[in-house]
Amino acid sequence: MYGNNNNNKGNKNKGNNKGDKDNKGKKGEEYVFRGPFSSNVVGLPIVNAITGVKYPWNVGSFEENHLWKVVNCTRFTPMTYFYDSPEQHEAHKRVTIDPESKAAWYTLQRNLE
């Protein structure tokens, strides 16, 4: 089921030692990971969840308060994502954030200036 069907008696899987997976998409083009990009390691640069572009701040620093932070705890390892604003998160994940949460975040942004 998982190996190639070459019916050899000795070694059933004569693959390429890379899990027999290549980096090709459905139409044969090169597959490129397009996110979401998580920022889980304290001390490393924060990256935008959509673009993967690094921010000038590190995970766990006070400056991460400049960003909208989302933690996905639906798996065994929680994943932390950072966005420029609540609206960027809403557009990316197709969710609606309650107005009180957005207002509190914008108040925090004004106080950080």
N, C-alpha and C. Protein backbone atom coordinates (compact mmCIF):
# COMPACT_ATOMS: atom_id res chain seq x y z
N MET A 1 0.81 -1.19 0.00
CA MET A 1 0.00 0.00 0.00
C MET A 1 0.86 1.26 0.00
N TYR A 2 1.91 1.29 0.83
CA TYR A 2 2.73 2.48 0.92
C TYR A 2 4.02 2.39 0.11
N GLY A 3 4.49 1.22 -0.17
CA GLY A 3 5.71 1.07 -0.96
C GLY A 3 5.38 1.05 -2.43
N ASN A 4 6.42 0.95 -3.25
CA ASN A 4 6.14 0.82 -4.67
C ASN A 4 5.82 -0.64 -4.97
N ASN A 5 5.10 -0.90 -6.01
CA ASN A 5 4.64 -2.24 -6.33
C ASN A 5 5.59 -2.92 -7.30
N ASN A 6 6.81 -3.23 -6.82
CA ASN A 6 7.78 -3.83 -7.73
C ASN A 6 7.89 -5.34 -7.55
N ASN A 7 7.17 -5.94 -6.60
CA ASN A 7 7.11 -7.38 -6.38
C ASN A 7 8.46 -8.04 -6.18
N ASN A 8 9.47 -7.33 -5.71
CA ASN A 8 10.75 -7.94 -5.39
C ASN A 8 10.61 -8.69 -4.08
N LYS A 9 11.24 -9.86 -3.98
CA LYS A 9 11.14 -10.69 -2.78
C LYS A 9 11.97 -10.13 -1.63
N GLY A 10 13.14 -9.59 -1.92
CA GLY A 10 14.04 -9.13 -0.86
C GLY A 10 13.58 -7.83 -0.24
N ASN A 11 13.97 -6.75 -0.81
CA ASN A 11 13.64 -5.44 -0.30
C ASN A 11 12.35 -4.96 -0.96
N LYS A 12 11.30 -4.83 -0.17
CA LYS A 12 10.00 -4.47 -0.73
C LYS A 12 9.93 -3.01 -1.16
N ASN A 13 10.74 -2.17 -0.55
CA ASN A 13 10.69 -0.77 -0.91
C ASN A 13 12.05 -0.33 -1.43
N LYS A 14 12.17 -0.19 -2.72
CA LYS A 14 13.42 0.25 -3.32
C LYS A 14 13.29 1.71 -3.73
N GLY A 15 12.78 2.51 -2.79
CA GLY A 15 12.57 3.93 -3.05
C GLY A 15 13.86 4.71 -2.96
N ASN A 16 13.73 6.00 -2.85
CA ASN A 16 14.88 6.88 -2.87
C ASN A 16 15.30 7.34 -1.47
N ASN A 17 14.84 6.65 -0.42
CA ASN A 17 15.15 7.00 0.97
C ASN A 17 14.65 8.38 1.36
N LYS A 18 13.75 8.95 0.59
CA LYS A 18 13.18 10.25 0.91
C LYS A 18 11.67 10.12 1.06
N GLY A 19 11.19 8.95 1.38
CA GLY A 19 9.77 8.75 1.53
C GLY A 19 9.03 8.68 0.21
N ASP A 20 9.76 8.52 -0.88
CA ASP A 20 9.18 8.46 -2.22
C ASP A 20 8.29 9.65 -2.54
N LYS A 21 8.54 10.78 -1.92
CA LYS A 21 7.77 11.97 -2.22
C LYS A 21 8.66 12.97 -2.94
N ASP A 22 8.11 13.60 -3.93
CA ASP A 22 8.84 14.68 -4.57
C ASP A 22 8.15 15.99 -4.20
N ASN A 23 8.67 17.06 -4.68
CA ASN A 23 8.16 18.38 -4.33
C ASN A 23 7.29 18.91 -5.46
N LYS A 24 6.41 18.06 -6.00
CA LYS A 24 5.58 18.45 -7.12
C LYS A 24 4.13 18.56 -6.67
N GLY A 25 3.41 19.53 -7.25
CA GLY A 25 2.00 19.71 -6.99
C GLY A 25 1.18 18.79 -7.87
N LYS A 26 -0.14 19.00 -7.88
CA LYS A 26 -1.04 18.14 -8.65
C LYS A 26 -0.78 18.21 -10.15
N LYS A 27 -0.39 19.37 -10.64
CA LYS A 27 -0.17 19.53 -12.07
C LYS A 27 1.30 19.40 -12.45
N GLY A 28 2.13 18.94 -11.52
CA GLY A 28 3.54 18.73 -11.82
C GLY A 28 4.44 19.91 -11.53
N GLU A 29 3.84 21.06 -11.16
CA GLU A 29 4.68 22.21 -10.88
C GLU A 29 5.28 22.09 -9.48
N GLU A 30 6.34 22.84 -9.24
CA GLU A 30 7.03 22.82 -7.95
C GLU A 30 6.09 23.32 -6.86
N TYR A 31 6.01 22.59 -5.75
CA TYR A 31 5.16 22.96 -4.63
C TYR A 31 5.91 23.92 -3.72
N VAL A 32 5.29 25.03 -3.38
CA VAL A 32 5.88 26.02 -2.49
C VAL A 32 4.95 26.19 -1.30
N PHE A 33 5.49 26.05 -0.10
CA PHE A 33 4.68 26.22 1.11
C PHE A 33 4.24 27.67 1.21
N ARG A 34 2.95 27.89 1.38
CA ARG A 34 2.41 29.24 1.42
C ARG A 34 1.71 29.54 2.74
N GLY A 35 2.12 28.91 3.80
CA GLY A 35 1.60 29.26 5.12
C GLY A 35 0.40 28.45 5.53
N PRO A 36 -0.14 28.71 6.65
CA PRO A 36 0.20 29.81 7.54
C PRO A 36 1.54 29.58 8.24
N PHE A 37 2.24 30.65 8.47
CA PHE A 37 3.55 30.61 9.10
C PHE A 37 3.38 30.87 10.59
N SER A 38 3.87 29.96 11.42
CA SER A 38 3.74 30.12 12.87
C SER A 38 5.01 30.70 13.46
N SER A 39 4.85 31.28 14.63
CA SER A 39 5.98 31.84 15.39
C SER A 39 5.89 31.27 16.80
N ASN A 40 6.49 30.12 17.01
CA ASN A 40 6.33 29.42 18.28
C ASN A 40 7.53 29.49 19.21
N VAL A 41 8.70 29.79 18.71
CA VAL A 41 9.92 29.70 19.52
C VAL A 41 10.26 31.06 20.11
N VAL A 42 10.24 31.13 21.44
CA VAL A 42 10.55 32.38 22.13
C VAL A 42 11.98 32.79 21.82
N GLY A 43 12.15 34.07 21.49
CA GLY A 43 13.47 34.61 21.18
C GLY A 43 13.77 34.70 19.70
N LEU A 44 13.03 33.96 18.87
CA LEU A 44 13.24 34.04 17.42
C LEU A 44 12.38 35.16 16.84
N PRO A 45 12.73 35.66 15.66
CA PRO A 45 11.93 36.73 15.06
C PRO A 45 10.50 36.29 14.78
N ILE A 46 9.57 37.21 14.98
CA ILE A 46 8.17 36.98 14.66
C ILE A 46 8.01 37.08 13.15
N VAL A 47 7.20 36.18 12.58
CA VAL A 47 6.91 36.24 11.15
C VAL A 47 5.41 36.43 10.94
N ASN A 48 5.06 37.09 9.87
CA ASN A 48 3.66 37.29 9.53
C ASN A 48 3.05 35.95 9.14
N ALA A 49 1.86 35.66 9.65
CA ALA A 49 1.23 34.36 9.42
C ALA A 49 0.90 34.12 7.96
N ILE A 50 0.66 35.16 7.20
CA ILE A 50 0.29 35.00 5.80
C ILE A 50 1.50 35.03 4.88
N THR A 51 2.34 36.03 5.06
CA THR A 51 3.45 36.25 4.12
C THR A 51 4.75 35.56 4.52
N GLY A 52 4.93 35.31 5.82
CA GLY A 52 6.18 34.74 6.29
C GLY A 52 7.28 35.77 6.44
N VAL A 53 6.98 37.04 6.21
CA VAL A 53 7.96 38.11 6.32
C VAL A 53 8.27 38.36 7.80
N LYS A 54 9.55 38.51 8.11
CA LYS A 54 9.96 38.71 9.50
C LYS A 54 9.67 40.14 9.95
N TYR A 55 9.18 40.24 11.18
CA TYR A 55 9.02 41.54 11.84
C TYR A 55 10.31 41.86 12.58
N PRO A 56 10.51 43.12 12.98
CA PRO A 56 11.75 43.47 13.70
C PRO A 56 11.73 43.08 15.17
N TRP A 57 10.72 42.33 15.61
CA TRP A 57 10.58 41.98 17.02
C TRP A 57 10.68 40.47 17.20
N ASN A 58 10.98 40.04 18.40
CA ASN A 58 11.11 38.62 18.71
C ASN A 58 9.88 38.11 19.46
N VAL A 59 9.64 36.81 19.32
CA VAL A 59 8.56 36.16 20.06
C VAL A 59 8.85 36.28 21.55
N GLY A 60 7.84 36.67 22.31
CA GLY A 60 7.99 36.79 23.75
C GLY A 60 8.41 38.17 24.21
N SER A 61 8.71 39.07 23.28
CA SER A 61 9.12 40.42 23.66
C SER A 61 7.88 41.29 23.88
N PHE A 62 8.07 42.40 24.54
CA PHE A 62 6.97 43.34 24.76
C PHE A 62 6.42 43.86 23.43
N GLU A 63 7.29 43.99 22.45
CA GLU A 63 6.90 44.55 21.16
C GLU A 63 5.91 43.68 20.39
N GLU A 64 5.75 42.42 20.77
CA GLU A 64 4.77 41.59 20.07
C GLU A 64 3.36 42.12 20.30
N ASN A 65 3.17 43.02 21.26
CA ASN A 65 1.87 43.64 21.49
C ASN A 65 1.46 44.55 20.34
N HIS A 66 2.38 44.89 19.44
CA HIS A 66 2.05 45.70 18.27
C HIS A 66 1.27 44.89 17.23
N LEU A 67 1.19 43.59 17.41
CA LEU A 67 0.58 42.71 16.42
C LEU A 67 -0.64 41.99 17.00
N TRP A 68 -1.52 41.56 16.10
CA TRP A 68 -2.67 40.74 16.49
C TRP A 68 -2.18 39.31 16.60
N LYS A 69 -2.33 38.72 17.78
CA LYS A 69 -1.77 37.40 18.07
C LYS A 69 -2.90 36.39 18.19
N VAL A 70 -2.75 35.25 17.50
CA VAL A 70 -3.74 34.18 17.53
C VAL A 70 -3.03 32.88 17.87
N VAL A 71 -3.58 32.12 18.82
CA VAL A 71 -3.01 30.83 19.17
C VAL A 71 -4.04 29.75 18.81
N ASN A 72 -3.64 28.82 17.96
CA ASN A 72 -4.49 27.70 17.57
C ASN A 72 -4.14 26.52 18.46
N CYS A 73 -5.05 26.16 19.35
CA CYS A 73 -4.81 25.07 20.31
C CYS A 73 -5.59 23.82 19.96
N THR A 74 -5.96 23.64 18.70
CA THR A 74 -6.76 22.49 18.32
C THR A 74 -5.94 21.24 18.04
N ARG A 75 -4.63 21.33 18.09
CA ARG A 75 -3.75 20.18 17.88
C ARG A 75 -2.93 19.93 19.13
N PHE A 76 -2.07 18.94 19.07
CA PHE A 76 -1.24 18.60 20.22
C PHE A 76 -0.27 19.72 20.55
N THR A 77 0.27 20.37 19.55
CA THR A 77 1.20 21.48 19.75
C THR A 77 0.50 22.77 19.37
N PRO A 78 0.28 23.67 20.32
CA PRO A 78 -0.34 24.96 19.97
C PRO A 78 0.53 25.74 18.99
N MET A 79 -0.10 26.38 18.04
CA MET A 79 0.60 27.17 17.04
C MET A 79 0.22 28.64 17.23
N THR A 80 1.23 29.52 17.25
CA THR A 80 1.01 30.94 17.44
C THR A 80 1.22 31.67 16.12
N TYR A 81 0.24 32.50 15.77
CA TYR A 81 0.28 33.25 14.51
C TYR A 81 0.17 34.74 14.81
N PHE A 82 0.90 35.54 14.05
CA PHE A 82 0.87 36.99 14.22
C PHE A 82 0.40 37.65 12.92
N TYR A 83 -0.49 38.63 13.08
CA TYR A 83 -1.04 39.38 11.96
C TYR A 83 -0.83 40.87 12.21
N ASP A 84 -0.88 41.67 11.13
CA ASP A 84 -0.75 43.12 11.25
C ASP A 84 -1.93 43.73 11.98
N SER A 85 -3.11 43.13 11.82
CA SER A 85 -4.32 43.68 12.42
C SER A 85 -5.37 42.58 12.55
N PRO A 86 -6.42 42.84 13.33
CA PRO A 86 -7.52 41.85 13.41
C PRO A 86 -8.17 41.62 12.05
N GLU A 87 -8.25 42.67 11.24
CA GLU A 87 -8.88 42.54 9.91
C GLU A 87 -8.07 41.62 9.00
N GLN A 88 -6.75 41.64 9.12
CA GLN A 88 -5.92 40.74 8.32
C GLN A 88 -6.21 39.29 8.72
N HIS A 89 -6.38 39.04 10.00
CA HIS A 89 -6.72 37.70 10.47
C HIS A 89 -8.11 37.29 9.98
N GLU A 90 -9.07 38.20 10.04
CA GLU A 90 -10.43 37.90 9.57
C GLU A 90 -10.42 37.52 8.09
N ALA A 91 -9.69 38.27 7.29
CA ALA A 91 -9.64 38.00 5.85
C ALA A 91 -8.93 36.68 5.56
N HIS A 92 -7.87 36.38 6.31
CA HIS A 92 -7.09 35.17 6.07
C HIS A 92 -7.85 33.91 6.47
N LYS A 93 -8.47 33.93 7.63
CA LYS A 93 -9.15 32.73 8.14
C LYS A 93 -10.65 32.73 7.90
N ARG A 94 -11.15 33.81 7.29
CA ARG A 94 -12.59 33.92 7.01
C ARG A 94 -13.42 33.75 8.28
N VAL A 95 -13.04 34.51 9.29
CA VAL A 95 -13.76 34.50 10.57
C VAL A 95 -14.18 35.94 10.87
N THR A 96 -15.06 36.07 11.86
CA THR A 96 -15.48 37.39 12.32
C THR A 96 -15.08 37.53 13.78
N ILE A 97 -14.34 38.58 14.07
CA ILE A 97 -13.88 38.85 15.43
C ILE A 97 -14.85 39.85 16.04
N ASP A 98 -15.22 39.62 17.30
CA ASP A 98 -16.19 40.51 17.93
C ASP A 98 -15.63 41.93 18.03
N PRO A 99 -16.50 42.92 17.87
CA PRO A 99 -16.06 44.33 17.86
C PRO A 99 -15.38 44.76 19.16
N GLU A 100 -15.75 44.18 20.29
CA GLU A 100 -15.13 44.56 21.56
C GLU A 100 -13.66 44.17 21.59
N SER A 101 -13.33 43.01 21.06
CA SER A 101 -11.93 42.57 21.02
C SER A 101 -11.10 43.47 20.11
N LYS A 102 -11.68 43.82 18.96
CA LYS A 102 -10.96 44.71 18.05
C LYS A 102 -10.78 46.09 18.66
N ALA A 103 -11.81 46.60 19.32
CA ALA A 103 -11.70 47.92 19.95
C ALA A 103 -10.64 47.92 21.04
N ALA A 104 -10.57 46.84 21.82
CA ALA A 104 -9.55 46.74 22.87
C ALA A 104 -8.16 46.71 22.27
N TRP A 105 -7.99 46.00 21.15
CA TRP A 105 -6.68 45.94 20.50
C TRP A 105 -6.27 47.30 19.96
N TYR A 106 -7.21 48.01 19.32
CA TYR A 106 -6.89 49.34 18.79
C TYR A 106 -6.59 50.34 19.91
N THR A 107 -7.26 50.20 21.05
CA THR A 107 -6.94 51.04 22.20
C THR A 107 -5.52 50.77 22.67
N LEU A 108 -5.15 49.50 22.73
CA LEU A 108 -3.78 49.13 23.11
C LEU A 108 -2.78 49.73 22.13
N GLN A 109 -3.09 49.70 20.84
CA GLN A 109 -2.17 50.25 19.83
C GLN A 109 -1.96 51.75 20.04
N ARG A 110 -3.04 52.47 20.36
CA ARG A 110 -2.91 53.91 20.61
C ARG A 110 -2.06 54.17 21.85
N ASN A 111 -2.20 53.31 22.87
CA ASN A 111 -1.43 53.48 24.11
C ASN A 111 0.04 53.11 23.93
N LEU A 112 0.35 52.28 22.95
CA LEU A 112 1.74 51.88 22.71
C LEU A 112 2.54 52.97 22.01
N GLU A 113 1.86 53.88 21.35
CA GLU A 113 2.56 54.93 20.59
C GLU A 113 3.22 55.94 21.47
